[in-house]
């Protein structure tokens, strides 16, 4: 249990809050490239309680500006794309992607007002089909050379979804290996050869046993946590018999992402981005070490639950997350369908929009959550004291931040660290793009 004051310090992200100051020192996903309407590529964006407008101009350049027009604060998200920028619908003031005022048409022809007006703009970078923005002070950090950022476009796929809860409890589900044996328990195993694009439905490396069977029948994992230069590495062991151990390696990339295996050749890097204190978007980048990603198939699978344009889930609190008593008795542990994102969504949203951690009792399997909260609290204190936020790589150090290795397999030996490291190296050596 922690105090209410400490809980607020970890979770509240609005302007001027301790956690908000910290998170603003990192790149944040703000949109999928795929969600831009070709007819009017303008999106309203709310990030950590601040409001922005994101647009693509006629030259294909992206801009992120404060959403209120500096004239009389009308909403620029309803503006017009024309004449090289975004024009406010109220009086026609025009701004380019850098926030420069290009035109104030209602003013006299001799007016020089435009030269003295500038809308605040923010750096944007496109990575793996996701637009990242930096809304903090000073120079932004460099991007690490993670697999999801270095793989060619054909080998990545990005998607997003809205959860109606605080970012921290949403992120923490990704650092909790024990929950998968219960929350994601399926009573029957599907054909693993038909598992493309589905998490926890295939088989682990070096095994033909469905991962659903492993999670269901071996539900007391041994979990270890190691600190790394990018955050945390979590190793989870499930002893299957005297000669075989299921080994799963996952990662926390500080401050807000986890990197986990999806299949023997695909990983997921998932960011949890605060909309405000009570909502967050998850952004997932799927990275394939094997064949190119079947993007149309992945898109169609996911929009069944998280339809555009807002990617708000069709299973949510208003319809009890699709809960079925009959399904819970016969098919799944939750009774909430076969999409594990919905299971995680329920677990996080049902805690309340901001989890009351003064009432929780952590167990030994929560060790990664405990270590992460200490990292987060320490980083918040450092930034509050005027120190530099941790794990903000320079161009030189970013090149050394590779991987991070994420693996799921069945080991027939005793040196489990050597097993996953060898397996990851072999997968990279055989990859069309990830060869050392």
Protein backbone atom coordinates (compact mmCIF):
# COMPACT_ATOMS: atom_id res chain seq x y z
CA UNK A 1 0.00 0.00 0.00
CA UNK A 2 1.11 3.58 -0.65
CA UNK A 3 -0.24 6.92 0.54
CA UNK A 4 -2.83 8.88 -1.41
CA UNK A 5 -0.29 11.71 -1.78
CA UNK A 6 2.32 9.36 -3.28
CA UNK A 7 -0.29 7.80 -5.56
CA UNK A 8 -1.18 11.25 -6.92
CA UNK A 9 2.50 12.00 -7.49
CA UNK A 10 2.89 8.87 -9.63
CA UNK A 11 -0.34 9.14 -11.61
CA UNK A 12 -1.33 12.78 -12.19
CA UNK A 13 0.12 14.11 -15.44
CA UNK A 14 -1.41 17.54 -16.08
CA UNK A 15 0.69 20.68 -16.60
CA UNK A 16 2.92 21.35 -13.58
CA UNK A 17 2.37 17.98 -11.89
CA UNK A 18 5.45 15.97 -10.82
CA UNK A 19 4.79 13.01 -13.15
CA UNK A 20 3.65 15.36 -15.90
CA UNK A 21 6.97 17.21 -15.76
CA UNK A 22 8.82 13.91 -16.07
CA UNK A 23 6.81 12.40 -18.93
CA UNK A 24 7.07 15.62 -20.95
CA UNK A 25 10.81 14.96 -21.17
CA UNK A 26 10.25 12.00 -23.51
CA UNK A 27 8.84 11.46 -27.01
CA UNK A 28 5.13 10.58 -26.85
CA UNK A 29 3.03 8.84 -29.54
CA UNK A 30 0.22 11.14 -30.67
CA UNK A 31 -1.30 9.48 -33.76
CA UNK A 32 -1.08 6.68 -36.28
CA UNK A 33 -0.15 7.73 -39.78
CA UNK A 34 -2.95 5.42 -40.95
CA UNK A 35 -5.65 7.40 -39.15
CA UNK A 36 -5.26 10.55 -41.27
CA UNK A 37 -8.22 11.20 -43.56
CA UNK A 38 -6.86 12.01 -47.05
CA UNK A 39 -9.69 14.49 -47.57
CA UNK A 40 -8.94 16.47 -44.40
CA UNK A 41 -5.82 15.27 -42.57
CA UNK A 42 -6.42 17.18 -39.34
CA UNK A 43 -6.66 15.53 -35.91
CA UNK A 44 -7.45 16.98 -32.50
CA UNK A 45 -4.97 15.58 -29.98
CA UNK A 46 -5.21 15.62 -26.21
CA UNK A 47 -1.99 14.66 -24.45
CA UNK A 48 -1.42 14.77 -20.69
CA UNK A 49 -4.28 17.22 -20.23
CA UNK A 50 -3.08 19.62 -22.95
CA UNK A 51 -4.90 20.18 -26.26
CA UNK A 52 -3.22 20.27 -29.67
CA UNK A 53 -4.08 20.14 -33.35
CA UNK A 54 -2.12 17.76 -35.59
CA UNK A 55 -2.21 18.21 -39.37
CA UNK A 56 -0.48 17.31 -42.60
CA UNK A 57 -0.04 20.09 -45.14
CA UNK A 58 -0.18 19.90 -48.93
CA UNK A 59 3.54 19.10 -49.08
CA UNK A 60 3.14 16.12 -46.75
CA UNK A 61 4.73 17.85 -43.75
CA UNK A 62 3.24 17.21 -40.29
CA UNK A 63 2.65 19.94 -37.75
CA UNK A 64 1.58 19.91 -34.11
CA UNK A 65 0.34 23.23 -32.73
CA UNK A 66 -1.51 24.41 -29.65
CA UNK A 67 -5.16 23.93 -30.47
CA UNK A 68 -6.45 27.42 -29.59
CA UNK A 69 -5.94 30.06 -32.28
CA UNK A 70 -3.79 32.89 -30.86
CA UNK A 71 -6.25 35.45 -32.23
CA UNK A 72 -9.30 34.75 -30.05
CA UNK A 73 -8.76 31.11 -29.11
CA UNK A 74 -11.13 29.39 -31.54
CA UNK A 75 -10.53 25.67 -32.16
CA UNK A 76 -7.96 25.12 -34.91
CA UNK A 77 -8.99 21.46 -35.22
CA UNK A 78 -11.94 22.73 -37.29
CA UNK A 79 -9.71 24.79 -39.55
CA UNK A 80 -9.12 24.61 -43.29
CA UNK A 81 -6.02 23.22 -44.98
CA UNK A 82 -5.10 25.70 -47.67
CA UNK A 83 -2.40 28.09 -48.89
CA UNK A 84 0.45 26.14 -47.29
CA UNK A 85 -0.94 25.77 -43.81
CA UNK A 86 -3.88 25.52 -41.43
CA UNK A 87 -6.36 28.39 -41.59
CA UNK A 88 -8.61 29.18 -38.63
CA UNK A 89 -12.32 29.04 -39.51
CA UNK A 90 -13.10 32.09 -37.31
CA UNK A 91 -11.19 34.92 -39.03
CA UNK A 92 -8.98 33.07 -41.50
CA UNK A 93 -5.62 33.44 -39.74
CA UNK A 94 -3.18 31.02 -41.37
CA UNK A 95 -0.37 29.04 -39.70
CA UNK A 96 2.26 26.71 -41.12
CA UNK A 97 3.58 23.50 -39.52
CA UNK A 98 6.13 25.52 -37.53
CA UNK A 99 3.49 27.82 -36.07
CA UNK A 100 4.47 30.79 -38.22
CA UNK A 101 1.60 33.15 -39.01
CA UNK A 102 1.37 33.41 -42.80
CA UNK A 103 -1.74 35.52 -43.19
CA UNK A 104 -4.26 37.63 -41.22
CA UNK A 105 -6.76 38.31 -44.04
CA UNK A 106 -9.29 40.30 -42.03
CA UNK A 107 -6.65 42.91 -41.15
CA UNK A 108 -5.85 45.90 -43.39
CA UNK A 109 -3.60 45.12 -46.34
CA UNK A 110 -0.86 47.26 -44.79
CA UNK A 111 -0.96 45.42 -41.43
CA UNK A 112 2.24 43.85 -40.05
CA UNK A 113 0.42 42.02 -37.25
CA UNK A 114 1.25 38.64 -38.76
CA UNK A 115 4.98 39.21 -38.17
CA UNK A 116 4.38 39.48 -34.44
CA UNK A 117 2.20 36.38 -33.99
CA UNK A 118 3.46 32.83 -33.69
CA UNK A 119 1.55 29.76 -32.56
CA UNK A 120 3.50 27.37 -30.34
CA UNK A 121 4.62 24.30 -32.30
CA UNK A 122 6.24 21.03 -31.24
CA UNK A 123 8.76 18.63 -32.81
CA UNK A 124 7.34 15.58 -34.58
CA UNK A 125 9.04 12.38 -35.77
CA UNK A 126 7.48 9.50 -37.70
CA UNK A 127 8.60 6.04 -36.59
CA UNK A 128 7.10 2.71 -37.70
CA UNK A 129 3.78 4.26 -38.73
CA UNK A 130 3.44 6.29 -35.51
CA UNK A 131 3.87 10.05 -35.07
CA UNK A 132 5.82 10.92 -31.93
CA UNK A 133 5.75 14.42 -30.44
CA UNK A 134 7.97 16.16 -27.92
CA UNK A 135 6.16 18.72 -25.77
CA UNK A 136 8.80 19.13 -23.06
CA UNK A 137 11.43 21.76 -22.45
CA UNK A 138 14.89 21.81 -23.99
CA UNK A 139 16.16 19.48 -26.67
CA UNK A 140 14.39 16.12 -27.03
CA UNK A 141 16.28 12.87 -26.46
CA UNK A 142 17.45 10.72 -29.35
CA UNK A 143 15.44 7.66 -30.33
CA UNK A 144 16.99 4.38 -29.14
CA UNK A 145 17.94 1.84 -31.80
CA UNK A 146 15.17 -0.50 -30.69
CA UNK A 147 13.96 -3.15 -33.12
CA UNK A 148 10.61 -1.42 -33.62
CA UNK A 149 12.39 1.77 -34.75
CA UNK A 150 15.08 0.18 -36.94
CA UNK A 151 13.10 -2.52 -38.77
CA UNK A 152 12.08 -1.67 -42.36
CA UNK A 153 8.49 -0.53 -42.84
CA UNK A 154 7.37 -3.87 -44.31
CA UNK A 155 8.31 -5.61 -41.05
CA UNK A 156 6.35 -3.37 -38.67
CA UNK A 157 2.67 -2.62 -38.07
CA UNK A 158 1.18 -0.04 -35.70
CA UNK A 159 -2.21 0.18 -34.03
CA UNK A 160 -3.81 1.96 -31.05
CA UNK A 161 -6.74 1.73 -28.67
CA UNK A 162 -8.37 3.86 -25.97
CA UNK A 163 -8.66 2.73 -22.35
CA UNK A 164 -10.72 4.75 -19.90
CA UNK A 165 -8.29 4.69 -16.99
CA UNK A 166 -5.05 6.21 -15.78
CA UNK A 167 -1.88 5.47 -17.76
CA UNK A 168 0.03 3.88 -14.86
CA UNK A 169 -2.37 1.06 -14.09
CA UNK A 170 -2.59 0.35 -17.82
CA UNK A 171 1.20 0.15 -18.11
CA UNK A 172 1.53 -2.02 -15.01
CA UNK A 173 -0.50 -4.86 -16.53
CA UNK A 174 2.39 -5.28 -18.99
CA UNK A 175 4.91 -5.90 -16.20
CA UNK A 176 2.82 -8.57 -14.45
CA UNK A 177 3.60 -12.04 -15.89
CA UNK A 178 1.45 -13.94 -13.39
CA UNK A 179 -1.89 -12.56 -14.55
CA UNK A 180 -1.69 -14.32 -17.93
CA UNK A 181 -2.42 -17.70 -16.34
CA UNK A 182 -5.75 -16.44 -15.10
CA UNK A 183 -6.95 -13.35 -16.94
CA UNK A 184 -6.01 -14.86 -20.33
CA UNK A 185 -6.96 -18.46 -19.55
CA UNK A 186 -8.73 -20.32 -22.35
CA UNK A 187 -10.35 -23.66 -21.54
CA UNK A 188 -9.71 -25.06 -25.02
CA UNK A 189 -6.65 -24.70 -27.22
CA UNK A 190 -6.96 -23.52 -30.81
CA UNK A 191 -4.94 -24.70 -33.79
CA UNK A 192 -1.62 -22.92 -33.34
CA UNK A 193 -1.12 -22.75 -37.11
CA UNK A 194 -4.11 -20.38 -37.30
CA UNK A 195 -2.83 -17.99 -34.63
CA UNK A 196 -1.38 -15.25 -36.85
CA UNK A 197 -1.91 -11.84 -35.29
CA UNK A 198 -3.30 -13.27 -32.03
CA UNK A 199 -1.36 -13.03 -28.81
CA UNK A 200 -1.14 -16.10 -26.53
CA UNK A 201 -2.70 -18.35 -29.18
CA UNK A 202 0.36 -19.85 -30.89
CA UNK A 203 3.15 -22.09 -29.63
CA UNK A 204 6.43 -21.10 -28.02
CA UNK A 205 9.76 -21.51 -29.78
CA UNK A 206 11.21 -25.05 -29.60
CA UNK A 207 7.79 -26.47 -28.74
CA UNK A 208 4.49 -27.45 -30.33
CA UNK A 209 2.56 -27.08 -27.05
CA UNK A 210 0.01 -24.24 -27.29
CA UNK A 211 0.92 -21.33 -25.05
CA UNK A 212 -2.67 -21.38 -23.78
CA UNK A 213 -1.99 -24.85 -22.34
CA UNK A 214 1.26 -23.70 -20.73
CA UNK A 215 -0.40 -20.71 -19.06
CA UNK A 216 -3.43 -22.73 -17.96
CA UNK A 217 -1.61 -25.68 -16.44
CA UNK A 218 1.50 -24.02 -15.01
CA UNK A 219 0.15 -21.08 -13.07
CA UNK A 220 2.82 -20.48 -10.40
CA UNK A 221 5.65 -18.79 -12.30
CA UNK A 222 9.09 -17.94 -10.98
CA UNK A 223 9.76 -14.27 -11.78
CA UNK A 224 13.05 -12.37 -11.69
CA UNK A 225 13.69 -8.70 -12.44
CA UNK A 226 16.93 -7.06 -13.60
CA UNK A 227 17.60 -3.35 -14.09
CA UNK A 228 19.02 -2.39 -17.49
CA UNK A 229 20.16 0.76 -19.26
CA UNK A 230 16.70 1.07 -20.86
CA UNK A 231 14.55 0.08 -17.85
CA UNK A 232 13.82 -3.47 -16.68
CA UNK A 233 14.14 -7.01 -17.99
CA UNK A 234 11.65 -9.52 -16.58
CA UNK A 235 12.32 -13.26 -16.86
CA UNK A 236 9.46 -15.65 -16.12
CA UNK A 237 9.99 -19.40 -15.74
CA UNK A 238 7.32 -22.11 -15.69
CA UNK A 239 8.69 -25.59 -15.01
CA UNK A 240 6.82 -28.01 -17.30
CA UNK A 241 8.60 -31.19 -16.17
CA UNK A 242 12.03 -32.40 -15.09
CA UNK A 243 13.53 -31.70 -18.50
CA UNK A 244 11.61 -28.68 -19.85
CA UNK A 245 11.07 -25.10 -18.66
CA UNK A 246 9.01 -22.43 -20.36
CA UNK A 247 11.09 -19.24 -20.54
CA UNK A 248 9.54 -15.86 -21.26
CA UNK A 249 11.56 -12.64 -21.37
CA UNK A 250 9.78 -9.28 -21.41
CA UNK A 251 10.99 -5.70 -20.92
CA UNK A 252 9.98 -2.31 -19.59
CA UNK A 253 11.39 0.55 -21.67
CA UNK A 254 11.29 3.52 -19.31
CA UNK A 255 9.16 5.46 -18.89
CA UNK A 256 5.99 4.12 -20.54
CA UNK A 257 6.49 1.11 -22.81
CA UNK A 258 6.83 -2.63 -22.55
CA UNK A 259 8.35 -5.01 -25.09
CA UNK A 260 6.96 -8.55 -25.14
CA UNK A 261 6.93 -11.59 -27.43
CA UNK A 262 3.84 -12.13 -29.55
CA UNK A 263 5.01 -15.23 -31.39
CA UNK A 264 8.23 -17.01 -32.25
CA UNK A 265 9.06 -14.34 -34.85
CA UNK A 266 7.10 -11.24 -33.77
CA UNK A 267 7.34 -8.84 -30.82
CA UNK A 268 5.09 -6.07 -29.52
CA UNK A 269 6.35 -2.71 -28.27
CA UNK A 270 3.44 -1.01 -26.51
CA UNK A 271 3.33 2.55 -25.19
CA UNK A 272 0.70 3.78 -22.72
CA UNK A 273 0.17 7.47 -23.37
CA UNK A 274 -1.92 9.65 -21.04
CA UNK A 275 -4.76 11.54 -22.67
CA UNK A 276 -5.36 13.03 -19.22
CA UNK A 277 -5.45 11.64 -15.69
CA UNK A 278 -8.41 9.37 -16.48
CA UNK A 279 -7.78 8.05 -20.01
CA UNK A 280 -4.89 6.69 -22.04
CA UNK A 281 -4.18 5.39 -25.51
CA UNK A 282 -2.05 2.31 -26.00
CA UNK A 283 0.08 2.36 -29.14
CA UNK A 284 1.45 -1.01 -30.26
CA UNK A 285 4.22 -1.52 -32.79
CA UNK A 286 4.42 -5.13 -34.00
CA UNK A 287 7.87 -6.08 -35.31
CA UNK A 288 8.52 -9.22 -37.36
CA UNK A 289 11.91 -10.93 -37.51
CA UNK A 290 10.49 -13.37 -40.07
CA UNK A 291 8.33 -12.58 -43.09
CA UNK A 292 6.88 -9.11 -43.73
CA UNK A 293 3.84 -8.24 -41.64
CA UNK A 294 0.45 -8.88 -43.22
CA UNK A 295 -0.77 -5.38 -42.45
CA UNK A 296 -4.28 -5.68 -43.93
CA UNK A 297 -4.94 -8.82 -41.86
CA UNK A 298 -3.61 -7.22 -38.68
CA UNK A 299 -5.70 -4.08 -39.29
CA UNK A 300 -8.92 -5.99 -39.95
CA UNK A 301 -8.45 -8.15 -36.85
CA UNK A 302 -8.06 -5.14 -34.59
CA UNK A 303 -10.73 -2.80 -35.88
CA UNK A 304 -13.31 -5.42 -34.94
CA UNK A 305 -12.73 -4.37 -31.31
CA UNK A 306 -11.14 -0.92 -31.62
CA UNK A 307 -12.84 0.80 -34.60
CA UNK A 308 -11.59 4.12 -36.01
CA UNK A 309 -11.80 7.07 -36.00
CA UNK A 310 -11.36 7.26 -32.22
CA UNK A 311 -10.32 3.61 -31.63
CA UNK A 312 -12.68 3.52 -28.69
CA UNK A 313 -13.39 -0.15 -27.83
CA UNK A 314 -16.85 -1.51 -28.56
CA UNK A 315 -16.55 -3.65 -25.41
CA UNK A 316 -16.40 -1.28 -22.45
CA UNK A 317 -17.88 -0.43 -19.06
CA UNK A 318 -21.23 0.55 -20.60
CA UNK A 319 -21.85 -3.01 -21.83
CA UNK A 320 -19.88 -4.79 -19.07
CA UNK A 321 -17.01 -5.48 -21.47
CA UNK A 322 -19.21 -8.04 -23.27
CA UNK A 323 -19.35 -10.30 -20.20
CA UNK A 324 -21.16 -13.61 -20.71
CA UNK A 325 -21.96 -16.01 -17.85
CA UNK A 326 -22.15 -18.92 -20.28
CA UNK A 327 -18.79 -18.12 -21.85
CA UNK A 328 -17.17 -17.78 -18.43
CA UNK A 329 -18.43 -21.23 -17.51
CA UNK A 330 -17.35 -22.97 -20.69
CA UNK A 331 -14.73 -21.05 -22.70
CA UNK A 332 -12.70 -18.32 -20.98
CA UNK A 333 -11.73 -17.39 -17.44
CA UNK A 334 -13.17 -13.88 -17.81
CA UNK A 335 -16.22 -14.53 -19.98
CA UNK A 336 -15.25 -11.45 -22.00
CA UNK A 337 -14.40 -12.85 -25.40
CA UNK A 338 -11.18 -14.10 -26.97
CA UNK A 339 -9.37 -10.78 -27.52
CA UNK A 340 -6.86 -10.52 -24.67
CA UNK A 341 -6.76 -6.73 -25.07
CA UNK A 342 -10.32 -6.66 -23.74
CA UNK A 343 -9.27 -8.80 -20.77
CA UNK A 344 -6.47 -6.35 -19.94
CA UNK A 345 -8.79 -3.41 -20.55
CA UNK A 346 -11.33 -4.77 -18.05
CA UNK A 347 -8.63 -5.46 -15.45
CA UNK A 348 -7.34 -1.90 -15.71
CA UNK A 349 -10.62 -0.01 -16.12
CA UNK A 350 -12.39 -1.94 -13.36
CA UNK A 351 -9.85 -0.56 -10.86
CA UNK A 352 -11.42 2.87 -11.37
CA UNK A 353 -10.20 5.71 -13.54
CA UNK A 354 -7.29 6.16 -11.09
CA UNK A 355 -6.49 3.10 -9.02
CA UNK A 356 -6.69 3.62 -5.25
CA UNK A 357 -3.34 2.09 -4.35
CA UNK A 358 -3.89 2.79 -0.65
CA UNK A 359 -6.10 -0.33 -0.67
CA UNK A 360 -3.86 -2.74 -2.61
CA UNK A 361 -1.76 -5.60 -1.18
CA UNK A 362 1.10 -6.56 -3.49
CA UNK A 363 2.44 -10.10 -3.63
CA UNK A 364 5.76 -11.66 -4.63
CA UNK A 365 4.70 -11.86 -8.29
CA UNK A 366 4.34 -8.06 -8.31
CA UNK A 367 8.09 -7.56 -7.91
CA UNK A 368 8.48 -5.89 -11.31
CA UNK A 369 5.74 -3.40 -10.45
CA UNK A 370 7.48 -2.61 -7.15
CA UNK A 371 10.85 -2.04 -8.84
CA UNK A 372 9.28 0.07 -11.61
CA UNK A 373 7.43 2.32 -9.15
CA UNK A 374 10.71 2.97 -7.35
CA UNK A 375 12.33 3.91 -10.68
CA UNK A 376 9.40 6.20 -11.51
CA UNK A 377 9.34 7.86 -8.08
CA UNK A 378 13.10 8.41 -8.17
CA UNK A 379 12.92 9.96 -11.65
CA UNK A 380 10.08 12.25 -10.56
CA UNK A 381 12.12 13.42 -7.57
CA UNK A 382 15.19 14.11 -9.72
CA UNK A 383 13.25 16.18 -12.26
CA UNK A 384 11.51 18.02 -9.43
CA UNK A 385 14.92 18.89 -8.01
CA UNK A 386 16.04 20.31 -11.35
CA UNK A 387 18.12 17.32 -12.42
CA UNK A 388 18.03 15.70 -15.87
CA UNK A 389 15.42 12.99 -16.43
CA UNK A 390 16.95 9.49 -16.62
CA UNK A 391 17.22 7.32 -19.73
CA UNK A 392 17.15 10.20 -22.20
CA UNK A 393 19.73 8.95 -24.70
CA UNK A 394 22.05 11.13 -26.72
CA UNK A 395 22.67 10.35 -30.39
CA UNK A 396 25.78 8.40 -29.34
CA UNK A 397 24.24 6.41 -26.50
CA UNK A 398 20.98 5.79 -28.43
CA UNK A 399 22.89 3.71 -30.97
CA UNK A 400 23.88 1.35 -28.16
CA UNK A 401 20.29 0.83 -27.00
CA UNK A 402 19.37 -2.10 -29.24
CA UNK A 403 16.68 -4.78 -28.98
CA UNK A 404 15.61 -5.13 -26.29
CA UNK A 405 15.54 -8.90 -26.61
CA UNK A 406 12.11 -10.36 -25.98
CA UNK A 407 11.67 -14.12 -26.19
CA UNK A 408 9.24 -16.98 -25.51
CA UNK A 409 10.43 -20.59 -25.72
CA UNK A 410 10.76 -23.96 -24.04
CA UNK A 411 14.26 -24.76 -22.77
CA UNK A 412 15.49 -28.33 -22.39
CA UNK A 413 18.63 -27.23 -20.53
CA UNK A 414 19.39 -25.60 -17.20
CA UNK A 415 21.02 -22.29 -18.20
CA UNK A 416 17.88 -20.35 -19.08
CA UNK A 417 19.66 -17.03 -19.67
CA UNK A 418 21.97 -18.68 -22.18
CA UNK A 419 18.94 -20.31 -23.83
CA UNK A 420 16.99 -17.14 -24.60
CA UNK A 421 20.11 -15.22 -25.58
CA UNK A 422 21.09 -17.96 -28.05
CA UNK A 423 17.53 -18.12 -29.38
CA UNK A 424 17.36 -14.36 -29.89
CA UNK A 425 20.73 -14.34 -31.65
CA UNK A 426 19.64 -17.16 -33.98
CA UNK A 427 16.40 -15.38 -34.80
CA UNK A 428 18.30 -12.21 -35.69
CA UNK A 429 20.85 -14.10 -37.78
CA UNK A 430 18.04 -15.64 -39.84
CA UNK A 431 16.09 -12.39 -40.16
CA UNK A 432 15.97 -10.51 -43.50
CA UNK A 433 16.79 -7.22 -41.71
CA UNK A 434 18.06 -7.86 -38.16
CA UNK A 435 21.36 -9.62 -38.94
CA UNK A 436 24.14 -8.29 -36.67
